[in-house]
Amino acid sequence: MANATEPQPPRPGEVLMTEAERRQAADQRAASERRRQALNLQRENILSQRTSNAARRAALATALSEIEQLIKALE
């Protein structure tokens, strides 16, 4: 019988990562989440703006479209 402190062989499909790799992956996930939050804040800001100026509305619509594409790319 194997000792509980001995390293277990990886399960099928499981990837073994070093501590540095785990830390880097966590940092990347955190950076991605911060980017997503920033884009959502920008999106909310654009949606909250009201204007009667047609050129300004067009610019806001374009910016909103670009931000939504960036958000989709992060998913």
N, C-alpha and C. Protein backbone atom coordinates (compact mmCIF):
# COMPACT_ATOMS: atom_id res chain seq x y z
N MET A 1 0.84 -1.17 0.00
CA MET A 1 0.00 0.00 0.00
C MET A 1 0.89 1.24 0.00
N ALA A 2 0.52 2.25 -0.75
CA ALA A 2 1.32 3.46 -0.87
C ALA A 2 1.16 4.33 0.36
N ASN A 3 2.23 4.99 0.72
CA ASN A 3 2.23 5.92 1.84
C ASN A 3 1.49 7.19 1.43
N ALA A 4 0.73 7.80 2.33
CA ALA A 4 -0.06 8.99 2.02
C ALA A 4 0.81 10.19 1.69
N THR A 5 2.07 10.19 2.14
CA THR A 5 2.95 11.33 1.86
C THR A 5 3.70 11.19 0.55
N GLU A 6 3.64 10.02 -0.06
CA GLU A 6 4.30 9.83 -1.35
C GLU A 6 3.50 10.53 -2.44
N PRO A 7 4.19 11.11 -3.42
CA PRO A 7 3.47 11.76 -4.52
C PRO A 7 2.68 10.73 -5.31
N GLN A 8 1.47 11.07 -5.62
CA GLN A 8 0.60 10.18 -6.38
C GLN A 8 0.85 10.41 -7.87
N PRO A 9 0.73 9.36 -8.67
CA PRO A 9 0.88 9.55 -10.12
C PRO A 9 -0.27 10.42 -10.63
N PRO A 10 -0.03 11.19 -11.67
CA PRO A 10 -1.10 12.04 -12.19
C PRO A 10 -2.25 11.21 -12.75
N ARG A 11 -3.45 11.72 -12.56
CA ARG A 11 -4.63 11.07 -13.13
C ARG A 11 -4.67 11.33 -14.63
N PRO A 12 -5.33 10.49 -15.39
CA PRO A 12 -5.41 10.73 -16.84
C PRO A 12 -5.99 12.11 -17.14
N GLY A 13 -5.30 12.85 -17.98
CA GLY A 13 -5.76 14.18 -18.36
C GLY A 13 -5.31 15.28 -17.42
N GLU A 14 -4.70 14.92 -16.30
CA GLU A 14 -4.26 15.92 -15.32
C GLU A 14 -2.88 16.42 -15.71
N VAL A 15 -2.68 17.71 -15.59
CA VAL A 15 -1.40 18.32 -15.93
C VAL A 15 -0.70 18.71 -14.64
N LEU A 16 0.53 18.29 -14.50
CA LEU A 16 1.31 18.66 -13.33
C LEU A 16 1.97 20.01 -13.58
N MET A 17 1.81 20.92 -12.63
CA MET A 17 2.38 22.25 -12.78
C MET A 17 3.29 22.54 -11.58
N THR A 18 4.35 23.27 -11.84
CA THR A 18 5.20 23.70 -10.74
C THR A 18 4.50 24.84 -10.01
N GLU A 19 5.01 25.16 -8.84
CA GLU A 19 4.44 26.27 -8.06
C GLU A 19 4.54 27.58 -8.85
N ALA A 20 5.65 27.78 -9.54
CA ALA A 20 5.83 29.00 -10.33
C ALA A 20 4.81 29.07 -11.47
N GLU A 21 4.55 27.92 -12.09
CA GLU A 21 3.56 27.89 -13.18
C GLU A 21 2.15 28.16 -12.64
N ARG A 22 1.84 27.60 -11.46
CA ARG A 22 0.53 27.87 -10.85
C ARG A 22 0.38 29.35 -10.52
N ARG A 23 1.44 29.94 -9.97
CA ARG A 23 1.41 31.36 -9.62
C ARG A 23 1.23 32.22 -10.88
N GLN A 24 1.94 31.87 -11.94
CA GLN A 24 1.84 32.62 -13.19
C GLN A 24 0.43 32.49 -13.78
N ALA A 25 -0.14 31.30 -13.73
CA ALA A 25 -1.50 31.10 -14.24
C ALA A 25 -2.50 31.91 -13.42
N ALA A 26 -2.33 31.94 -12.10
CA ALA A 26 -3.23 32.73 -11.24
C ALA A 26 -3.08 34.21 -11.55
N ASP A 27 -1.85 34.67 -11.76
CA ASP A 27 -1.62 36.08 -12.11
C ASP A 27 -2.29 36.43 -13.44
N GLN A 28 -2.20 35.52 -14.40
CA GLN A 28 -2.82 35.76 -15.70
C GLN A 28 -4.34 35.81 -15.58
N ARG A 29 -4.92 34.91 -14.77
CA ARG A 29 -6.37 34.94 -14.56
C ARG A 29 -6.79 36.24 -13.89
N ALA A 30 -6.02 36.69 -12.92
CA ALA A 30 -6.33 37.93 -12.21
C ALA A 30 -6.24 39.13 -13.16
N ALA A 31 -5.22 39.16 -14.00
CA ALA A 31 -5.07 40.25 -14.95
C ALA A 31 -6.22 40.25 -15.96
N SER A 32 -6.62 39.08 -16.39
CA SER A 32 -7.73 38.97 -17.33
C SER A 32 -9.04 39.45 -16.69
N GLU A 33 -9.24 39.09 -15.42
CA GLU A 33 -10.46 39.52 -14.71
C GLU A 33 -10.46 41.04 -14.50
N ARG A 34 -9.29 41.60 -14.17
CA ARG A 34 -9.22 43.07 -14.03
C ARG A 34 -9.52 43.75 -15.36
N ARG A 35 -9.00 43.20 -16.45
CA ARG A 35 -9.26 43.77 -17.78
C ARG A 35 -10.75 43.70 -18.11
N ARG A 36 -11.38 42.56 -17.80
CA ARG A 36 -12.81 42.39 -18.05
C ARG A 36 -13.62 43.40 -17.22
N GLN A 37 -13.24 43.60 -15.96
CA GLN A 37 -13.94 44.56 -15.11
C GLN A 37 -13.79 45.99 -15.65
N ALA A 38 -12.59 46.33 -16.10
CA ALA A 38 -12.35 47.67 -16.66
C ALA A 38 -13.21 47.89 -17.91
N LEU A 39 -13.27 46.87 -18.76
CA LEU A 39 -14.08 47.00 -19.98
C LEU A 39 -15.56 47.12 -19.64
N ASN A 40 -16.01 46.37 -18.65
CA ASN A 40 -17.42 46.47 -18.25
C ASN A 40 -17.74 47.84 -17.67
N LEU A 41 -16.79 48.43 -16.92
CA LEU A 41 -17.00 49.78 -16.41
C LEU A 41 -17.09 50.79 -17.56
N GLN A 42 -16.23 50.64 -18.56
CA GLN A 42 -16.28 51.52 -19.73
C GLN A 42 -17.62 51.36 -20.44
N ARG A 43 -18.05 50.12 -20.57
CA ARG A 43 -19.34 49.84 -21.23
C ARG A 43 -20.48 50.52 -20.49
N GLU A 44 -20.50 50.37 -19.16
CA GLU A 44 -21.55 51.01 -18.35
C GLU A 44 -21.50 52.53 -18.48
N ASN A 45 -20.30 53.08 -18.52
CA ASN A 45 -20.16 54.53 -18.68
C ASN A 45 -20.76 55.00 -20.00
N ILE A 46 -20.46 54.30 -21.06
CA ILE A 46 -20.99 54.67 -22.38
C ILE A 46 -22.51 54.55 -22.39
N LEU A 47 -23.02 53.47 -21.81
CA LEU A 47 -24.48 53.26 -21.81
C LEU A 47 -25.20 54.33 -20.98
N SER A 48 -24.52 54.89 -19.99
CA SER A 48 -25.17 55.88 -19.13
C SER A 48 -25.18 57.28 -19.74
N GLN A 49 -24.42 57.50 -20.79
CA GLN A 49 -24.33 58.84 -21.37
C GLN A 49 -25.52 59.11 -22.29
N ARG A 50 -26.03 60.31 -22.18
CA ARG A 50 -27.14 60.75 -23.03
C ARG A 50 -26.69 61.98 -23.81
N THR A 51 -27.03 62.01 -25.06
CA THR A 51 -26.68 63.17 -25.88
C THR A 51 -27.65 63.30 -27.04
N SER A 52 -27.88 64.53 -27.44
CA SER A 52 -28.72 64.77 -28.60
C SER A 52 -27.87 65.00 -29.85
N ASN A 53 -26.57 65.09 -29.67
CA ASN A 53 -25.65 65.31 -30.78
C ASN A 53 -25.46 64.00 -31.54
N ALA A 54 -25.82 64.02 -32.83
CA ALA A 54 -25.78 62.80 -33.66
C ALA A 54 -24.35 62.27 -33.80
N ALA A 55 -23.39 63.15 -33.96
CA ALA A 55 -22.00 62.71 -34.11
C ALA A 55 -21.51 62.05 -32.82
N ARG A 56 -21.89 62.63 -31.70
CA ARG A 56 -21.49 62.06 -30.40
C ARG A 56 -22.15 60.70 -30.19
N ARG A 57 -23.42 60.57 -30.56
CA ARG A 57 -24.11 59.28 -30.44
C ARG A 57 -23.42 58.22 -31.30
N ALA A 58 -23.02 58.61 -32.51
CA ALA A 58 -22.34 57.67 -33.40
C ALA A 58 -21.00 57.24 -32.80
N ALA A 59 -20.28 58.19 -32.23
CA ALA A 59 -18.99 57.86 -31.61
C ALA A 59 -19.19 56.92 -30.42
N LEU A 60 -20.23 57.18 -29.62
CA LEU A 60 -20.52 56.31 -28.48
C LEU A 60 -20.91 54.91 -28.94
N ALA A 61 -21.69 54.83 -30.00
CA ALA A 61 -22.09 53.53 -30.53
C ALA A 61 -20.88 52.75 -31.04
N THR A 62 -19.96 53.43 -31.70
CA THR A 62 -18.74 52.79 -32.19
C THR A 62 -17.89 52.30 -31.03
N ALA A 63 -17.72 53.15 -30.02
CA ALA A 63 -16.93 52.77 -28.85
C ALA A 63 -17.56 51.58 -28.13
N LEU A 64 -18.87 51.60 -28.01
CA LEU A 64 -19.57 50.49 -27.37
C LEU A 64 -19.36 49.18 -28.13
N SER A 65 -19.43 49.26 -29.43
CA SER A 65 -19.22 48.09 -30.27
C SER A 65 -17.81 47.53 -30.07
N GLU A 66 -16.81 48.41 -30.04
CA GLU A 66 -15.43 47.97 -29.87
C GLU A 66 -15.23 47.33 -28.49
N ILE A 67 -15.80 47.93 -27.46
CA ILE A 67 -15.66 47.40 -26.12
C ILE A 67 -16.32 46.03 -26.00
N GLU A 68 -17.49 45.88 -26.60
CA GLU A 68 -18.18 44.59 -26.54
C GLU A 68 -17.40 43.51 -27.28
N GLN A 69 -16.71 43.88 -28.37
CA GLN A 69 -15.87 42.90 -29.07
C GLN A 69 -14.70 42.48 -28.21
N LEU A 70 -14.10 43.44 -27.49
CA LEU A 70 -12.99 43.12 -26.59
C LEU A 70 -13.44 42.21 -25.46
N ILE A 71 -14.64 42.46 -24.94
CA ILE A 71 -15.17 41.63 -23.87
C ILE A 71 -15.39 40.20 -24.37
N LYS A 72 -15.93 40.06 -25.58
CA LYS A 72 -16.15 38.72 -26.17
C LYS A 72 -14.82 38.00 -26.37
N ALA A 73 -13.79 38.76 -26.77
CA ALA A 73 -12.48 38.15 -27.01
C ALA A 73 -11.86 37.60 -25.73
N LEU A 74 -12.22 38.18 -24.58
CA LEU A 74 -11.71 37.71 -23.30
C LEU A 74 -12.39 36.44 -22.82
N GLU A 75 -13.56 36.14 -23.34
CA GLU A 75 -14.31 34.97 -22.89
C GLU A 75 -13.76 33.70 -23.46
